[in-house]
């Protein structure tokens, strides 16, 4: 099992145990691959949910650019809802898991089809 497969298994476990979500493994794999090399960097593989700049980056680079959503307050509300599901006190919020939940929230699975 390669490094990426190990990370996908870790993200899957987070979705199940911390978020109560049974992941679509095909979609989770595609979202993880879409994160690119960021998943291999300890700093970049997580989302700093308490930093406004970080959340702005998720909104602009992922939700608007990648998923093609129109920028607006509903994007911040969705990010906030995902962080709440993941657990605000959860130290490591993995980028691939947050992105996966946002894709599901906005029903944008077709982006990864």
C-alpha atoms as a PDB file:
ATOM      1  CA  UNK A   1       0.000   0.000   0.000  1.00  0.00           C
ATOM      2  CA  UNK A   2       1.439   3.348  -1.067  1.00  0.00           C
ATOM      3  CA  UNK A   3       1.561   6.567   0.908  1.00  0.00           C
ATOM      4  CA  UNK A   4      -1.517   7.999  -0.848  1.00  0.00           C
ATOM      5  CA  UNK A   5      -3.524   4.837  -0.111  1.00  0.00           C
ATOM      6  CA  UNK A   6      -2.510   5.073   3.553  1.00  0.00           C
ATOM      7  CA  UNK A   7      -3.686   8.687   3.680  1.00  0.00           C
ATOM      8  CA  UNK A   8      -6.993   7.837   1.986  1.00  0.00           C
ATOM      9  CA  UNK A   9      -7.541   5.100   4.591  1.00  0.00           C
ATOM     10  CA  UNK A  10      -6.786   7.634   7.359  1.00  0.00           C
ATOM     11  CA  UNK A  11      -9.234  10.159   5.845  1.00  0.00           C
ATOM     12  CA  UNK A  12     -11.875   7.447   5.514  1.00  0.00           C
ATOM     13  CA  UNK A  13     -11.459   6.562   9.174  1.00  0.00           C
ATOM     14  CA  UNK A  14     -11.826  10.247  10.165  1.00  0.00           C
ATOM     15  CA  UNK A  15     -15.051  10.506   8.162  1.00  0.00           C
ATOM     16  CA  UNK A  16     -16.435   7.400   9.878  1.00  0.00           C
ATOM     17  CA  UNK A  17     -15.271   7.933  13.457  1.00  0.00           C
ATOM     18  CA  UNK A  18     -15.255  11.722  13.820  1.00  0.00           C
ATOM     19  CA  UNK A  19     -17.934  12.831  11.351  1.00  0.00           C
ATOM     20  CA  UNK A  20     -20.309   9.868  11.386  1.00  0.00           C
ATOM     21  CA  UNK A  21     -20.164   9.630   7.585  1.00  0.00           C
ATOM     22  CA  UNK A  22     -19.784   6.452   5.555  1.00  0.00           C
ATOM     23  CA  UNK A  23     -17.533   7.709   2.733  1.00  0.00           C
ATOM     24  CA  UNK A  24     -17.921   7.079  -0.968  1.00  0.00           C
ATOM     25  CA  UNK A  25     -14.388   5.717  -1.411  1.00  0.00           C
ATOM     26  CA  UNK A  26     -14.247   6.494  -5.131  1.00  0.00           C
ATOM     27  CA  UNK A  27     -15.134  10.142  -4.498  1.00  0.00           C
ATOM     28  CA  UNK A  28     -12.810  10.381  -1.478  1.00  0.00           C
ATOM     29  CA  UNK A  29      -9.962   9.031  -3.620  1.00  0.00           C
ATOM     30  CA  UNK A  30     -10.651  11.586  -6.363  1.00  0.00           C
ATOM     31  CA  UNK A  31     -10.894  14.477  -3.880  1.00  0.00           C
ATOM     32  CA  UNK A  32      -7.640  13.357  -2.253  1.00  0.00           C
ATOM     33  CA  UNK A  33      -5.866  13.176  -5.622  1.00  0.00           C
ATOM     34  CA  UNK A  34      -7.286  16.621  -6.413  1.00  0.00           C
ATOM     35  CA  UNK A  35      -5.556  18.037  -3.336  1.00  0.00           C
ATOM     36  CA  UNK A  36      -2.253  17.312  -5.067  1.00  0.00           C
ATOM     37  CA  UNK A  37       1.026  17.362  -3.162  1.00  0.00           C
ATOM     38  CA  UNK A  38      -0.554  19.272  -0.255  1.00  0.00           C
ATOM     39  CA  UNK A  39      -1.567  15.964   1.351  1.00  0.00           C
ATOM     40  CA  UNK A  40       2.098  15.056   1.837  1.00  0.00           C
ATOM     41  CA  UNK A  41       2.965  18.242   3.769  1.00  0.00           C
ATOM     42  CA  UNK A  42       2.175  18.199   7.491  1.00  0.00           C
ATOM     43  CA  UNK A  43       1.195  21.882   7.414  1.00  0.00           C
ATOM     44  CA  UNK A  44      -0.756  21.898   4.147  1.00  0.00           C
ATOM     45  CA  UNK A  45      -2.626  18.608   4.673  1.00  0.00           C
ATOM     46  CA  UNK A  46      -4.733  20.145   7.438  1.00  0.00           C
ATOM     47  CA  UNK A  47      -7.117  23.101   7.489  1.00  0.00           C
ATOM     48  CA  UNK A  48      -6.464  25.631  10.253  1.00  0.00           C
ATOM     49  CA  UNK A  49     -10.133  26.232  11.051  1.00  0.00           C
ATOM     50  CA  UNK A  50      -9.406  29.069  13.469  1.00  0.00           C
ATOM     51  CA  UNK A  51      -7.524  31.168  10.905  1.00  0.00           C
ATOM     52  CA  UNK A  52      -9.713  33.426   8.765  1.00  0.00           C
ATOM     53  CA  UNK A  53      -7.081  33.534   5.987  1.00  0.00           C
ATOM     54  CA  UNK A  54      -7.110  29.737   5.773  1.00  0.00           C
ATOM     55  CA  UNK A  55     -10.900  29.596   5.529  1.00  0.00           C
ATOM     56  CA  UNK A  56     -10.804  32.343   2.869  1.00  0.00           C
ATOM     57  CA  UNK A  57      -8.393  30.163   0.894  1.00  0.00           C
ATOM     58  CA  UNK A  58     -10.753  27.174   1.132  1.00  0.00           C
ATOM     59  CA  UNK A  59     -13.618  29.368  -0.052  1.00  0.00           C
ATOM     60  CA  UNK A  60     -11.778  31.062  -2.929  1.00  0.00           C
ATOM     61  CA  UNK A  61      -9.512  28.290  -4.203  1.00  0.00           C
ATOM     62  CA  UNK A  62     -11.721  25.281  -3.621  1.00  0.00           C
ATOM     63  CA  UNK A  63     -15.366  26.285  -3.531  1.00  0.00           C
ATOM     64  CA  UNK A  64     -15.224  29.094  -6.112  1.00  0.00           C
ATOM     65  CA  UNK A  65     -12.388  27.995  -8.422  1.00  0.00           C
ATOM     66  CA  UNK A  66     -12.566  24.194  -8.212  1.00  0.00           C
ATOM     67  CA  UNK A  67     -16.286  23.615  -7.627  1.00  0.00           C
ATOM     68  CA  UNK A  68     -17.417  26.656  -9.627  1.00  0.00           C
ATOM     69  CA  UNK A  69     -19.697  28.042  -6.930  1.00  0.00           C
ATOM     70  CA  UNK A  70     -20.747  31.694  -6.763  1.00  0.00           C
ATOM     71  CA  UNK A  71     -19.020  33.489  -3.875  1.00  0.00           C
ATOM     72  CA  UNK A  72     -21.392  34.479  -1.125  1.00  0.00           C
ATOM     73  CA  UNK A  73     -22.195  34.059   2.582  1.00  0.00           C
ATOM     74  CA  UNK A  74     -23.618  30.560   1.998  1.00  0.00           C
ATOM     75  CA  UNK A  75     -20.058  29.355   1.278  1.00  0.00           C
ATOM     76  CA  UNK A  76     -18.860  30.523   4.698  1.00  0.00           C
ATOM     77  CA  UNK A  77     -21.931  28.929   6.271  1.00  0.00           C
ATOM     78  CA  UNK A  78     -21.106  25.611   4.575  1.00  0.00           C
ATOM     79  CA  UNK A  79     -17.468  25.733   5.709  1.00  0.00           C
ATOM     80  CA  UNK A  80     -18.662  26.503   9.235  1.00  0.00           C
ATOM     81  CA  UNK A  81     -21.125  23.589   9.140  1.00  0.00           C
ATOM     82  CA  UNK A  82     -18.399  21.186   7.947  1.00  0.00           C
ATOM     83  CA  UNK A  83     -16.016  22.350  10.709  1.00  0.00           C
ATOM     84  CA  UNK A  84     -18.830  21.841  13.229  1.00  0.00           C
ATOM     85  CA  UNK A  85     -19.432  18.261  11.987  1.00  0.00           C
ATOM     86  CA  UNK A  86     -15.687  17.507  12.051  1.00  0.00           C
ATOM     87  CA  UNK A  87     -15.500  18.885  15.589  1.00  0.00           C
ATOM     88  CA  UNK A  88     -14.156  22.322  16.456  1.00  0.00           C
ATOM     89  CA  UNK A  89     -11.934  20.803  19.135  1.00  0.00           C
ATOM     90  CA  UNK A  90     -10.499  18.261  16.667  1.00  0.00           C
ATOM     91  CA  UNK A  91      -6.888  19.337  16.235  1.00  0.00           C
ATOM     92  CA  UNK A  92      -6.220  17.807  12.808  1.00  0.00           C
ATOM     93  CA  UNK A  93      -8.885  18.633  10.273  1.00  0.00           C
ATOM     94  CA  UNK A  94      -7.567  17.002   7.128  1.00  0.00           C
ATOM     95  CA  UNK A  95      -7.974  19.058   3.969  1.00  0.00           C
ATOM     96  CA  UNK A  96      -9.197  16.079   1.911  1.00  0.00           C
ATOM     97  CA  UNK A  97     -11.888  15.310   4.517  1.00  0.00           C
ATOM     98  CA  UNK A  98     -13.068  18.938   4.669  1.00  0.00           C
ATOM     99  CA  UNK A  99     -13.112  19.145   0.864  1.00  0.00           C
ATOM    100  CA  UNK A 100     -14.962  15.817   0.615  1.00  0.00           C
ATOM    101  CA  UNK A 101     -17.674  17.038   2.988  1.00  0.00           C
ATOM    102  CA  UNK A 102     -17.976  20.326   1.063  1.00  0.00           C
ATOM    103  CA  UNK A 103     -18.350  18.436  -2.226  1.00  0.00           C
ATOM    104  CA  UNK A 104     -21.142  16.361  -0.665  1.00  0.00           C
ATOM    105  CA  UNK A 105     -22.748  19.438   0.943  1.00  0.00           C
ATOM    106  CA  UNK A 106     -23.030  21.257  -2.385  1.00  0.00           C
ATOM    107  CA  UNK A 107     -23.775  18.044  -4.347  1.00  0.00           C
ATOM    108  CA  UNK A 108     -20.844  18.759  -6.663  1.00  0.00           C
ATOM    109  CA  UNK A 109     -19.714  15.137  -7.098  1.00  0.00           C
ATOM    110  CA  UNK A 110     -19.939  15.650 -10.868  1.00  0.00           C
ATOM    111  CA  UNK A 111     -16.824  17.852 -10.703  1.00  0.00           C
ATOM    112  CA  UNK A 112     -14.884  14.650  -9.936  1.00  0.00           C
ATOM    113  CA  UNK A 113     -16.733  12.380 -12.374  1.00  0.00           C
END
